[in-house]
PDB file of N, CA and C in Angstrom:
ATOM      1  N   MET A   1     105.343 -77.369 -11.982  1.00  0.00           N
ATOM      2  CA  MET A   1     105.666 -76.703 -13.200  1.00  0.00           C
ATOM      3  C   MET A   1     104.412 -76.161 -13.882  1.00  0.00           C
ATOM      4  N   LYS A   2     103.323 -76.962 -13.832  1.00  0.00           N
ATOM      5  CA  LYS A   2     102.075 -76.525 -14.432  1.00  0.00           C
ATOM      6  C   LYS A   2     101.553 -75.296 -13.707  1.00  0.00           C
ATOM      7  N   GLN A   3     101.698 -75.272 -12.397  1.00  0.00           N
ATOM      8  CA  GLN A   3     101.227 -74.131 -11.621  1.00  0.00           C
ATOM      9  C   GLN A   3     102.004 -72.870 -11.998  1.00  0.00           C
ATOM     10  N   LEU A   4     103.292 -73.030 -12.224  1.00  0.00           N
ATOM     11  CA  LEU A   4     104.132 -71.903 -12.596  1.00  0.00           C
ATOM     12  C   LEU A   4     103.721 -71.363 -13.970  1.00  0.00           C
ATOM     13  N   CYS A   5     103.459 -72.219 -14.924  1.00  0.00           N
ATOM     14  CA  CYS A   5     103.003 -71.801 -16.258  1.00  0.00           C
ATOM     15  C   CYS A   5     101.641 -71.130 -16.167  1.00  0.00           C
ATOM     16  N   PHE A   6     100.746 -71.721 -15.361  1.00  0.00           N
ATOM     17  CA  PHE A   6      99.422 -71.137 -15.191  1.00  0.00           C
ATOM     18  C   PHE A   6      99.542 -69.741 -14.586  1.00  0.00           C
ATOM     19  N   PHE A   7     100.371 -69.601 -13.578  1.00  0.00           N
ATOM     20  CA  PHE A   7     100.573 -68.306 -12.922  1.00  0.00           C
ATOM     21  C   PHE A   7     101.159 -67.289 -13.900  1.00  0.00           C
ATOM     22  N   ALA A   8     102.092 -67.683 -14.743  1.00  0.00           N
ATOM     23  CA  ALA A   8     102.705 -66.780 -15.720  1.00  0.00           C
ATOM     24  C   ALA A   8     101.683 -66.320 -16.749  1.00  0.00           C
ATOM     25  N   ILE A   9     100.849 -67.242 -17.226  1.00  0.00           N
ATOM     26  CA  ILE A   9      99.817 -66.902 -18.205  1.00  0.00           C
ATOM     27  C   ILE A   9      98.792 -65.971 -17.567  1.00  0.00           C
ATOM     28  N   PHE A  10      98.399 -66.245 -16.349  1.00  0.00           N
ATOM     29  CA  PHE A  10      97.453 -65.400 -15.626  1.00  0.00           C
ATOM     30  C   PHE A  10      98.019 -63.989 -15.443  1.00  0.00           C
ATOM     31  N   ALA A  11      99.274 -63.878 -15.083  1.00  0.00           N
ATOM     32  CA  ALA A  11      99.912 -62.572 -14.897  1.00  0.00           C
ATOM     33  C   ALA A  11      99.952 -61.797 -16.203  1.00  0.00           C
ATOM     34  N   LEU A  12     100.231 -62.474 -17.308  1.00  0.00           N
ATOM     35  CA  LEU A  12     100.257 -61.815 -18.613  1.00  0.00           C
ATOM     36  C   LEU A  12      98.879 -61.300 -19.012  1.00  0.00           C
ATOM     37  N   VAL A  13      97.839 -62.081 -18.775  1.00  0.00           N
ATOM     38  CA  VAL A  13      96.474 -61.673 -19.117  1.00  0.00           C
ATOM     39  C   VAL A  13      96.056 -60.470 -18.278  1.00  0.00           C
ATOM     40  N   VAL A  14      96.333 -60.513 -16.991  1.00  0.00           N
ATOM     41  CA  VAL A  14      95.964 -59.403 -16.104  1.00  0.00           C
ATOM     42  C   VAL A  14      96.714 -58.133 -16.496  1.00  0.00           C
ATOM     43  N   SER A  15      98.014 -58.252 -16.764  1.00  0.00           N
ATOM     44  CA  SER A  15      98.786 -57.060 -17.128  1.00  0.00           C
ATOM     45  C   SER A  15      98.353 -56.522 -18.492  1.00  0.00           C
ATOM     46  N   ALA A  16      98.015 -57.387 -19.439  1.00  0.00           N
ATOM     47  CA  ALA A  16      97.544 -56.939 -20.752  1.00  0.00           C
ATOM     48  C   ALA A  16      96.219 -56.200 -20.616  1.00  0.00           C
ATOM     49  N   THR A  17      95.323 -56.683 -19.739  1.00  0.00           N
ATOM     50  CA  THR A  17      94.053 -56.017 -19.512  1.00  0.00           C
ATOM     51  C   THR A  17      94.274 -54.650 -18.880  1.00  0.00           C
ATOM     52  N   ALA A  18      95.182 -54.562 -17.924  1.00  0.00           N
ATOM     53  CA  ALA A  18      95.483 -53.286 -17.268  1.00  0.00           C
ATOM     54  C   ALA A  18      96.076 -52.303 -18.268  1.00  0.00           C
ATOM     55  N   VAL A  19      96.954 -52.769 -19.136  1.00  0.00           N
ATOM     56  CA  VAL A  19      97.552 -51.899 -20.155  1.00  0.00           C
ATOM     57  C   VAL A  19      96.484 -51.414 -21.117  1.00  0.00           C
ATOM     58  N   ALA A  20      95.571 -52.283 -21.516  1.00  0.00           N
ATOM     59  CA  ALA A  20      94.507 -51.910 -22.445  1.00  0.00           C
ATOM     60  C   ALA A  20      93.601 -50.859 -21.811  1.00  0.00           C
ATOM     61  N   GLN A  21      93.281 -51.020 -20.525  1.00  0.00           N
ATOM     62  CA  GLN A  21      92.452 -50.032 -19.835  1.00  0.00           C
ATOM     63  C   GLN A  21      93.192 -48.699 -19.732  1.00  0.00           C
ATOM     64  N   THR A  22      94.480 -48.741 -19.429  1.00  0.00           N
ATOM     65  CA  THR A  22      95.261 -47.525 -19.322  1.00  0.00           C
ATOM     66  C   THR A  22      95.336 -46.821 -20.671  1.00  0.00           C
ATOM     67  N   GLU A  23      95.526 -47.582 -21.743  1.00  0.00           N
ATOM     68  CA  GLU A  23      95.587 -47.003 -23.085  1.00  0.00           C
ATOM     69  C   GLU A  23      94.249 -46.370 -23.463  1.00  0.00           C
ATOM     70  N   SER A  24      93.144 -47.033 -23.146  1.00  0.00           N
ATOM     71  CA  SER A  24      91.834 -46.482 -23.495  1.00  0.00           C
ATOM     72  C   SER A  24      91.563 -45.204 -22.693  1.00  0.00           C
ATOM     73  N   GLN A  25      92.019 -45.161 -21.446  1.00  0.00           N
ATOM     74  CA  GLN A  25      91.871 -43.952 -20.647  1.00  0.00           C
ATOM     75  C   GLN A  25      92.699 -42.815 -21.241  1.00  0.00           C
ATOM     76  N   ARG A  26      93.913 -43.118 -21.670  1.00  0.00           N
ATOM     77  CA  ARG A  26      94.772 -42.097 -22.261  1.00  0.00           C
ATOM     78  C   ARG A  26      94.183 -41.584 -23.565  1.00  0.00           C
ATOM     79  N   VAL A  27      93.622 -42.494 -24.366  1.00  0.00           N
ATOM     80  CA  VAL A  27      93.001 -42.083 -25.624  1.00  0.00           C
ATOM     81  C   VAL A  27      91.804 -41.176 -25.340  1.00  0.00           C
ATOM     82  N   ALA A  28      91.009 -41.538 -24.342  1.00  0.00           N
ATOM     83  CA  ALA A  28      89.844 -40.721 -23.987  1.00  0.00           C
ATOM     84  C   ALA A  28      90.285 -39.335 -23.512  1.00  0.00           C
ATOM     85  N   GLN A  29      91.348 -39.275 -22.715  1.00  0.00           N
ATOM     86  CA  GLN A  29      91.860 -37.979 -22.257  1.00  0.00           C
ATOM     87  C   GLN A  29      92.362 -37.147 -23.434  1.00  0.00           C
ATOM     88  N   LEU A  30      93.088 -37.772 -24.345  1.00  0.00           N
ATOM     89  CA  LEU A  30      93.599 -37.050 -25.508  1.00  0.00           C
ATOM     90  C   LEU A  30      92.467 -36.528 -26.386  1.00  0.00           C
ATOM     91  N   GLU A  31      91.418 -37.355 -26.572  1.00  0.00           N
ATOM     92  CA  GLU A  31      90.278 -36.901 -27.365  1.00  0.00           C
ATOM     93  C   GLU A  31      89.611 -35.699 -26.715  1.00  0.00           C
ATOM     94  N   GLY A  32      89.498 -35.709 -25.395  1.00  0.00           N
ATOM     95  CA  GLY A  32      88.920 -34.571 -24.683  1.00  0.00           C
ATOM     96  C   GLY A  32      89.762 -33.313 -24.849  1.00  0.00           C
ATOM     97  N   ARG A  33      91.076 -33.463 -24.752  1.00  0.00           N
ATOM     98  CA  ARG A  33      91.961 -32.313 -24.897  1.00  0.00           C
ATOM     99  C   ARG A  33      91.922 -31.760 -26.318  1.00  0.00           C
ATOM    100  N   VAL A  34      91.866 -32.649 -27.307  1.00  0.00           N
ATOM    101  CA  VAL A  34      91.809 -32.199 -28.697  1.00  0.00           C
ATOM    102  C   VAL A  34      90.512 -31.445 -28.959  1.00  0.00           C
ATOM    103  N   SER A  35      89.395 -31.934 -28.466  1.00  0.00           N
ATOM    104  CA  SER A  35      88.123 -31.237 -28.696  1.00  0.00           C
ATOM    105  C   SER A  35      88.107 -29.887 -27.987  1.00  0.00           C
ATOM    106  N   THR A  36      88.740 -29.786 -26.818  1.00  0.00           N
ATOM    107  CA  THR A  36      88.840 -28.502 -26.123  1.00  0.00           C
ATOM    108  C   THR A  36      89.674 -27.516 -26.942  1.00  0.00           C
ATOM    109  N   LEU A  37      90.790 -27.983 -27.481  1.00  0.00           N
ATOM    110  CA  LEU A  37      91.634 -27.117 -28.307  1.00  0.00           C
ATOM    111  C   LEU A  37      90.917 -26.678 -29.581  1.00  0.00           C
ATOM    112  N   GLU A  38      90.156 -27.558 -30.182  1.00  0.00           N
ATOM    113  CA  GLU A  38      89.402 -27.189 -31.381  1.00  0.00           C
ATOM    114  C   GLU A  38      88.408 -26.081 -31.073  1.00  0.00           C
ATOM    115  N   GLY A  39      87.753 -26.171 -29.919  1.00  0.00           N
ATOM    116  CA  GLY A  39      86.813 -25.120 -29.515  1.00  0.00           C
ATOM    117  C   GLY A  39      87.511 -23.788 -29.303  1.00  0.00           C
ATOM    118  N   LYS A  40      88.682 -23.827 -28.674  1.00  0.00           N
ATOM    119  CA  LYS A  40      89.435 -22.587 -28.443  1.00  0.00           C
ATOM    120  C   LYS A  40      89.896 -21.971 -29.752  1.00  0.00           C
ATOM    121  N   ILE A  41      90.334 -22.803 -30.688  1.00  0.00           N
ATOM    122  CA  ILE A  41      90.775 -22.294 -31.995  1.00  0.00           C
ATOM    123  C   ILE A  41      89.616 -21.624 -32.713  1.00  0.00           C
ATOM    124  N   GLN A  42      88.436 -22.191 -32.627  1.00  0.00           N
ATOM    125  CA  GLN A  42      87.253 -21.604 -33.261  1.00  0.00           C
ATOM    126  C   GLN A  42      86.945 -20.235 -32.661  1.00  0.00           C
ATOM    127  N   GLN A  43      87.035 -20.121 -31.330  1.00  0.00           N
ATOM    128  CA  GLN A  43      86.781 -18.842 -30.669  1.00  0.00           C
ATOM    129  C   GLN A  43      87.795 -17.792 -31.089  1.00  0.00           C
ATOM    130  N   VAL A  44      89.069 -18.165 -31.126  1.00  0.00           N
ATOM    131  CA  VAL A  44      90.118 -17.227 -31.512  1.00  0.00           C
ATOM    132  C   VAL A  44      89.934 -16.805 -32.968  1.00  0.00           C
ATOM    133  N   GLY A  45      89.566 -17.741 -33.813  1.00  0.00           N
ATOM    134  CA  GLY A  45      89.334 -17.410 -35.221  1.00  0.00           C
ATOM    135  C   GLY A  45      88.187 -16.432 -35.396  1.00  0.00           C
ATOM    136  N   ASP A  46      87.105 -16.622 -34.656  1.00  0.00           N
ATOM    137  CA  ASP A  46      85.965 -15.711 -34.736  1.00  0.00           C
ATOM    138  C   ASP A  46      86.348 -14.314 -34.250  1.00  0.00           C
ATOM    139  N   ALA A  47      87.088 -14.248 -33.155  1.00  0.00           N
ATOM    140  CA  ALA A  47      87.521 -12.951 -32.622  1.00  0.00           C
ATOM    141  C   ALA A  47      88.469 -12.263 -33.594  1.00  0.00           C
ATOM    142  N   GLY A  48      89.363 -13.022 -34.195  1.00  0.00           N
ATOM    143  CA  GLY A  48      90.292 -12.451 -35.163  1.00  0.00           C
ATOM    144  C   GLY A  48      89.569 -11.884 -36.373  1.00  0.00           C
ATOM    145  N   PHE A  49      88.544 -12.570 -36.834  1.00  0.00           N
ATOM    146  CA  PHE A  49      87.766 -12.084 -37.971  1.00  0.00           C
ATOM    147  C   PHE A  49      87.052 -10.782 -37.618  1.00  0.00           C
ATOM    148  N   ALA A  50      86.488 -10.715 -36.409  1.00  0.00           N
ATOM    149  CA  ALA A  50      85.804  -9.489 -35.972  1.00  0.00           C
ATOM    150  C   ALA A  50      86.786  -8.321 -35.896  1.00  0.00           C
ATOM    151  N   LEU A  51      87.981  -8.561 -35.359  1.00  0.00           N
ATOM    152  CA  LEU A  51      88.981  -7.496 -35.279  1.00  0.00           C
ATOM    153  C   LEU A  51      89.419  -7.046 -36.666  1.00  0.00           C
ATOM    154  N   PHE A  52      89.573  -7.997 -37.575  1.00  0.00           N
ATOM    155  CA  PHE A  52      89.926  -7.639 -38.945  1.00  0.00           C
ATOM    156  C   PHE A  52      88.847  -6.751 -39.563  1.00  0.00           C
ATOM    157  N   LEU A  53      87.577  -7.056 -39.312  1.00  0.00           N
ATOM    158  CA  LEU A  53      86.498  -6.223 -39.839  1.00  0.00           C
ATOM    159  C   LEU A  53      86.541  -4.810 -39.267  1.00  0.00           C
ATOM    160  N   PHE A  54      86.836  -4.684 -37.959  1.00  0.00           N
ATOM    161  CA  PHE A  54      86.983  -3.354 -37.364  1.00  0.00           C
ATOM    162  C   PHE A  54      88.072  -2.580 -38.100  1.00  0.00           C
ATOM    163  N   GLY A  55      89.212  -3.232 -38.323  1.00  0.00           N
ATOM    164  CA  GLY A  55      90.313  -2.576 -39.020  1.00  0.00           C
ATOM    165  C   GLY A  55      89.940  -2.197 -40.444  1.00  0.00           C
ATOM    166  N   ALA A  56      89.238  -3.072 -41.148  1.00  0.00           N
ATOM    167  CA  ALA A  56      88.854  -2.799 -42.537  1.00  0.00           C
ATOM    168  C   ALA A  56      87.882  -1.629 -42.622  1.00  0.00           C
ATOM    169  N   VAL A  57      86.925  -1.552 -41.713  1.00  0.00           N
ATOM    170  CA  VAL A  57      85.964  -0.441 -41.717  1.00  0.00           C
ATOM    171  C   VAL A  57      86.686   0.872 -41.440  1.00  0.00           C
ATOM    172  N   CYS A  58      87.601   0.859 -40.482  1.00  0.00           N
ATOM    173  CA  CYS A  58      88.364   2.076 -40.167  1.00  0.00           C
ATOM    174  C   CYS A  58      89.220   2.496 -41.353  1.00  0.00           C
ATOM    175  N   ALA A  59      89.851   1.535 -42.030  1.00  0.00           N
ATOM    176  CA  ALA A  59      90.688   1.855 -43.188  1.00  0.00           C
ATOM    177  C   ALA A  59      89.843   2.419 -44.332  1.00  0.00           C
ATOM    178  N   LEU A  60      88.668   1.863 -44.552  1.00  0.00           N
ATOM    179  CA  LEU A  60      87.785   2.360 -45.605  1.00  0.00           C
ATOM    180  C   LEU A  60      87.368   3.797 -45.321  1.00  0.00           C
ATOM    181  N   TRP A  61      86.996   4.061 -44.082  1.00  0.00           N
ATOM    182  CA  TRP A  61      86.620   5.423 -43.707  1.00  0.00           C
ATOM    183  C   TRP A  61      87.798   6.371 -43.922  1.00  0.00           C
ATOM    184  N   ALA A  62      88.985   5.957 -43.497  1.00  0.00           N
ATOM    185  CA  ALA A  62      90.170   6.806 -43.625  1.00  0.00           C
ATOM    186  C   ALA A  62      90.466   7.090 -45.096  1.00  0.00           C
ATOM    187  N   GLN A  63      90.331   6.098 -45.932  1.00  0.00           N
ATOM    188  CA  GLN A  63      90.566   6.288 -47.363  1.00  0.00           C
ATOM    189  C   GLN A  63      89.578   7.294 -47.952  1.00  0.00           C
ATOM    190  N   ASN A  64      88.339   7.209 -47.537  1.00  0.00           N
ATOM    191  CA  ASN A  64      87.305   8.104 -48.065  1.00  0.00           C
ATOM    192  C   ASN A  64      87.443   9.527 -47.562  1.00  0.00           C
ATOM    193  N   THR A  65      88.142   9.738 -46.467  1.00  0.00           N
ATOM    194  CA  THR A  65      88.293  11.088 -45.916  1.00  0.00           C
ATOM    195  C   THR A  65      89.699  11.639 -46.092  1.00  0.00           C
ATOM    196  N   GLY A  66      90.544  10.933 -46.838  1.00  0.00           N
ATOM    197  CA  GLY A  66      91.879  11.441 -47.124  1.00  0.00           C
ATOM    198  C   GLY A  66      92.880  11.226 -46.000  1.00  0.00           C
ATOM    199  N   ARG A  67      92.600  10.316 -45.113  1.00  0.00           N
ATOM    200  CA  ARG A  67      93.523  10.022 -44.017  1.00  0.00           C
ATOM    201  C   ARG A  67      94.299   8.742 -44.340  1.00  0.00           C
ATOM    202  N   SER A  68      95.271   8.426 -43.492  1.00  0.00           N
ATOM    203  CA  SER A  68      96.119   7.252 -43.713  1.00  0.00           C
ATOM    204  C   SER A  68      95.324   5.973 -43.454  1.00  0.00           C
ATOM    205  N   ALA A  69      95.083   5.193 -44.502  1.00  0.00           N
ATOM    206  CA  ALA A  69      94.298   3.962 -44.376  1.00  0.00           C
ATOM    207  C   ALA A  69      95.033   2.930 -43.542  1.00  0.00           C
ATOM    208  N   TRP A  70      96.351   2.790 -43.716  1.00  0.00           N
ATOM    209  CA  TRP A  70      97.113   1.793 -42.959  1.00  0.00           C
ATOM    210  C   TRP A  70      97.124   2.122 -41.472  1.00  0.00           C
ATOM    211  N   LEU A  71      97.300   3.388 -41.142  1.00  0.00           N
ATOM    212  CA  LEU A  71      97.298   3.778 -39.727  1.00  0.00           C
ATOM    213  C   LEU A  71      95.960   3.432 -39.081  1.00  0.00           C
ATOM    214  N   TRP A  72      94.879   3.801 -39.743  1.00  0.00           N
ATOM    215  CA  TRP A  72      93.561   3.547 -39.166  1.00  0.00           C
ATOM    216  C   TRP A  72      93.205   2.070 -39.188  1.00  0.00           C
ATOM    217  N   PHE A  73      93.727   1.321 -40.152  1.00  0.00           N
ATOM    218  CA  PHE A  73      93.498  -0.123 -40.153  1.00  0.00           C
ATOM    219  C   PHE A  73      94.106  -0.747 -38.894  1.00  0.00           C
ATOM    220  N   PHE A  74      95.380  -0.410 -38.610  1.00  0.00           N
ATOM    221  CA  PHE A  74      96.024  -1.001 -37.442  1.00  0.00           C
ATOM    222  C   PHE A  74      95.448  -0.474 -36.140  1.00  0.00           C
ATOM    223  N   LEU A  75      95.055   0.802 -36.107  1.00  0.00           N
ATOM    224  CA  LEU A  75      94.375   1.303 -34.910  1.00  0.00           C
ATOM    225  C   LEU A  75      93.064   0.541 -34.683  1.00  0.00           C
ATOM    226  N   GLY A  76      92.306   0.321 -35.752  1.00  0.00           N
ATOM    227  CA  GLY A  76      91.053  -0.435 -35.642  1.00  0.00           C
ATOM    228  C   GLY A  76      91.285  -1.883 -35.271  1.00  0.00           C
ATOM    229  N   LEU A  77      92.390  -2.452 -35.741  1.00  0.00           N
ATOM    230  CA  LEU A  77      92.712  -3.840 -35.439  1.00  0.00           C
ATOM    231  C   LEU A  77      93.063  -4.013 -33.962  1.00  0.00           C
ATOM    232  N   PHE A  78      93.870  -3.100 -33.426  1.00  0.00           N
ATOM    233  CA  PHE A  78      94.357  -3.253 -32.045  1.00  0.00           C
ATOM    234  C   PHE A  78      93.433  -2.638 -30.997  1.00  0.00           C
ATOM    235  N   PHE A  79      92.750  -1.546 -31.333  1.00  0.00           N
ATOM    236  CA  PHE A  79      91.928  -0.857 -30.334  1.00  0.00           C
ATOM    237  C   PHE A  79      90.467  -0.816 -30.746  1.00  0.00           C
ATOM    238  N   SER A  80      89.999  -1.805 -31.393  1.00  0.00           N
ATOM    239  CA  SER A  80      88.721  -1.929 -32.086  1.00  0.00           C
ATOM    240  C   SER A  80      87.627  -0.935 -31.670  1.00  0.00           C
ATOM    241  N   ILE A  81      86.995  -1.120 -30.554  1.00  0.00           N
ATOM    242  CA  ILE A  81      85.816  -0.326 -30.193  1.00  0.00           C
ATOM    243  C   ILE A  81      86.198   1.124 -29.927  1.00  0.00           C
ATOM    244  N   ILE A  82      87.316   1.344 -29.254  1.00  0.00           N
ATOM    245  CA  ILE A  82      87.755   2.715 -28.968  1.00  0.00           C
ATOM    246  C   ILE A  82      88.016   3.458 -30.277  1.00  0.00           C
ATOM    247  N   THR A  83      88.668   2.796 -31.225  1.00  0.00           N
ATOM    248  CA  THR A  83      88.968   3.425 -32.514  1.00  0.00           C
ATOM    249  C   THR A  83      87.692   3.752 -33.268  1.00  0.00           C
ATOM    250  N   VAL A  84      86.721   2.881 -33.235  1.00  0.00           N
ATOM    251  CA  VAL A  84      85.457   3.154 -33.931  1.00  0.00           C
ATOM    252  C   VAL A  84      84.758   4.343 -33.298  1.00  0.00           C
ATOM    253  N   LEU A  85      84.805   4.478 -31.973  1.00  0.00           N
ATOM    254  CA  LEU A  85      84.196   5.640 -31.319  1.00  0.00           C
ATOM    255  C   LEU A  85      84.916   6.930 -31.699  1.00  0.00           C
ATOM    256  N   VAL A  86      86.244   6.901 -31.751  1.00  0.00           N
ATOM    257  CA  VAL A  86      87.012   8.070 -32.189  1.00  0.00           C
ATOM    258  C   VAL A  86      86.674   8.382 -33.637  1.00  0.00           C
ATOM    259  N   LEU A  87      86.576   7.368 -34.458  1.00  0.00           N
ATOM    260  CA  LEU A  87      86.226   7.527 -35.865  1.00  0.00           C
ATOM    261  C   LEU A  87      84.864   8.203 -36.011  1.00  0.00           C
ATOM    262  N   LEU A  88      83.886   7.783 -35.238  1.00  0.00           N
ATOM    263  CA  LEU A  88      82.554   8.400 -35.302  1.00  0.00           C
ATOM    264  C   LEU A  88      82.603   9.861 -34.875  1.00  0.00           C
ATOM    265  N   SER A  89      83.390  10.166 -33.866  1.00  0.00           N
ATOM    266  CA  SER A  89      83.538  11.553 -33.415  1.00  0.00           C
ATOM    267  C   SER A  89      84.191  12.411 -34.510  1.00  0.00           C
ATOM    268  N   LYS A  90      85.267  11.906 -35.116  1.00  0.00           N
ATOM    269  CA  LYS A  90      85.930  12.650 -36.187  1.00  0.00           C
ATOM    270  C   LYS A  90      85.001  12.832 -37.382  1.00  0.00           C
ATOM    271  N   ASN A  91      84.235  11.817 -37.704  1.00  0.00           N
ATOM    272  CA  ASN A  91      83.297  11.914 -38.814  1.00  0.00           C
ATOM    273  C   ASN A  91      82.240  12.979 -38.525  1.00  0.00           C
ATOM    274  N   SER A  92      81.764  13.041 -37.304  1.00  0.00           N
ATOM    275  CA  SER A  92      80.794  14.054 -36.914  1.00  0.00           C
ATOM    276  C   SER A  92      81.391  15.453 -37.045  1.00  0.00           C
ATOM    277  N   ASP A  93      82.641  15.609 -36.613  1.00  0.00           N
ATOM    278  CA  ASP A  93      83.313  16.910 -36.742  1.00  0.00           C
ATOM    279  C   ASP A  93      83.466  17.296 -38.206  1.00  0.00           C
ATOM    280  N   ASP A  94      83.819  16.329 -39.056  1.00  0.00           N
ATOM    281  CA  ASP A  94      83.962  16.605 -40.490  1.00  0.00           C
ATOM    282  C   ASP A  94      82.637  17.056 -41.104  1.00  0.00           C
ATOM    283  N   ILE A  95      81.551  16.416 -40.730  1.00  0.00           N
ATOM    284  CA  ILE A  95      80.230  16.774 -41.253  1.00  0.00           C
ATOM    285  C   ILE A  95      79.838  18.160 -40.784  1.00  0.00           C
ATOM    286  N   ASP A  96      80.081  18.462 -39.500  1.00  0.00           N
ATOM    287  CA  ASP A  96      79.766  19.796 -38.973  1.00  0.00           C
ATOM    288  C   ASP A  96      80.567  20.866 -39.704  1.00  0.00           C
ATOM    289  N   ARG A  97      81.833  20.589 -39.974  1.00  0.00           N
ATOM    290  CA  ARG A  97      82.692  21.551 -40.650  1.00  0.00           C
ATOM    291  C   ARG A  97      82.198  21.797 -42.084  1.00  0.00           C
ATOM    292  N   ARG A  98      81.746  20.744 -42.759  1.00  0.00           N
ATOM    293  CA  ARG A  98      81.258  20.898 -44.132  1.00  0.00           C
ATOM    294  C   ARG A  98      79.937  21.656 -44.184  1.00  0.00           C
ATOM    295  N   ASN A  99      79.087  21.476 -43.184  1.00  0.00           N
ATOM    296  CA  ASN A  99      77.760  22.093 -43.186  1.00  0.00           C
ATOM    297  C   ASN A  99      77.748  23.504 -42.624  1.00  0.00           C
ATOM    298  N   SER A 100      78.791  23.928 -41.952  1.00  0.00           N
ATOM    299  CA  SER A 100      78.801  25.277 -41.391  1.00  0.00           C
ATOM    300  C   SER A 100      79.095  26.289 -42.503  1.00  0.00           C
ATOM    301  N   PRO A 101      78.507  27.451 -42.418  1.00  0.00           N
ATOM    302  CA  PRO A 101      78.757  28.459 -43.462  1.00  0.00           C
ATOM    303  C   PRO A 101      80.175  29.005 -43.334  1.00  0.00           C
ATOM    304  N   PRO A 102      80.762  29.424 -44.445  1.00  0.00           N
ATOM    305  CA  PRO A 102      82.116  29.965 -44.383  1.00  0.00           C
ATOM    306  C   PRO A 102      82.128  31.289 -43.622  1.00  0.00           C
ATOM    307  N   PRO A 103      83.237  31.624 -42.974  1.00  0.00           N
ATOM    308  CA  PRO A 103      83.280  32.886 -42.226  1.00  0.00           C
ATOM    309  C   PRO A 103      83.206  34.090 -43.192  1.00  0.00           C
ATOM    310  N   LEU A 104      82.560  35.141 -42.715  1.00  0.00           N
ATOM    311  CA  LEU A 104      82.422  36.351 -43.507  1.00  0.00           C
ATOM    312  C   LEU A 104      83.692  37.184 -43.419  1.00  0.00           C
ATOM    313  N   LEU A 105      84.128  37.665 -44.554  1.00  0.00           N
ATOM    314  CA  LEU A 105      85.296  38.543 -44.583  1.00  0.00           C
ATOM    315  C   LEU A 105      84.820  39.973 -44.625  1.00  0.00           C
ATOM    316  N   GLU A 106      85.389  40.815 -43.808  1.00  0.00           N
ATOM    317  CA  GLU A 106      84.969  42.228 -43.771  1.00  0.00           C
ATOM    318  C   GLU A 106      85.945  43.106 -44.458  1.00  0.00           C
TER     319      GLU A 106
END
């Protein structure tokens, strides 16, 4: 009977140790996954802020030149670099048009 009690107590201690090790491994895995997700959220947040700035700059330019600010904001938001290049080209055309002399009427 004593051997049976000893064996039962030994089995409980071994299983409790195995459960504790398994729990600590799971906690370590979860901590790793959480830190990875936090890093990804930070990257997405930084990219989102940059895209918002592209949209805001395009909208400001559009407002100053009499164009649709909302249209250019969303174009800048979704097509960031391409929209800024188009914006620079249009701005150059506007400047050339303003600086050219008016046509002579005969």
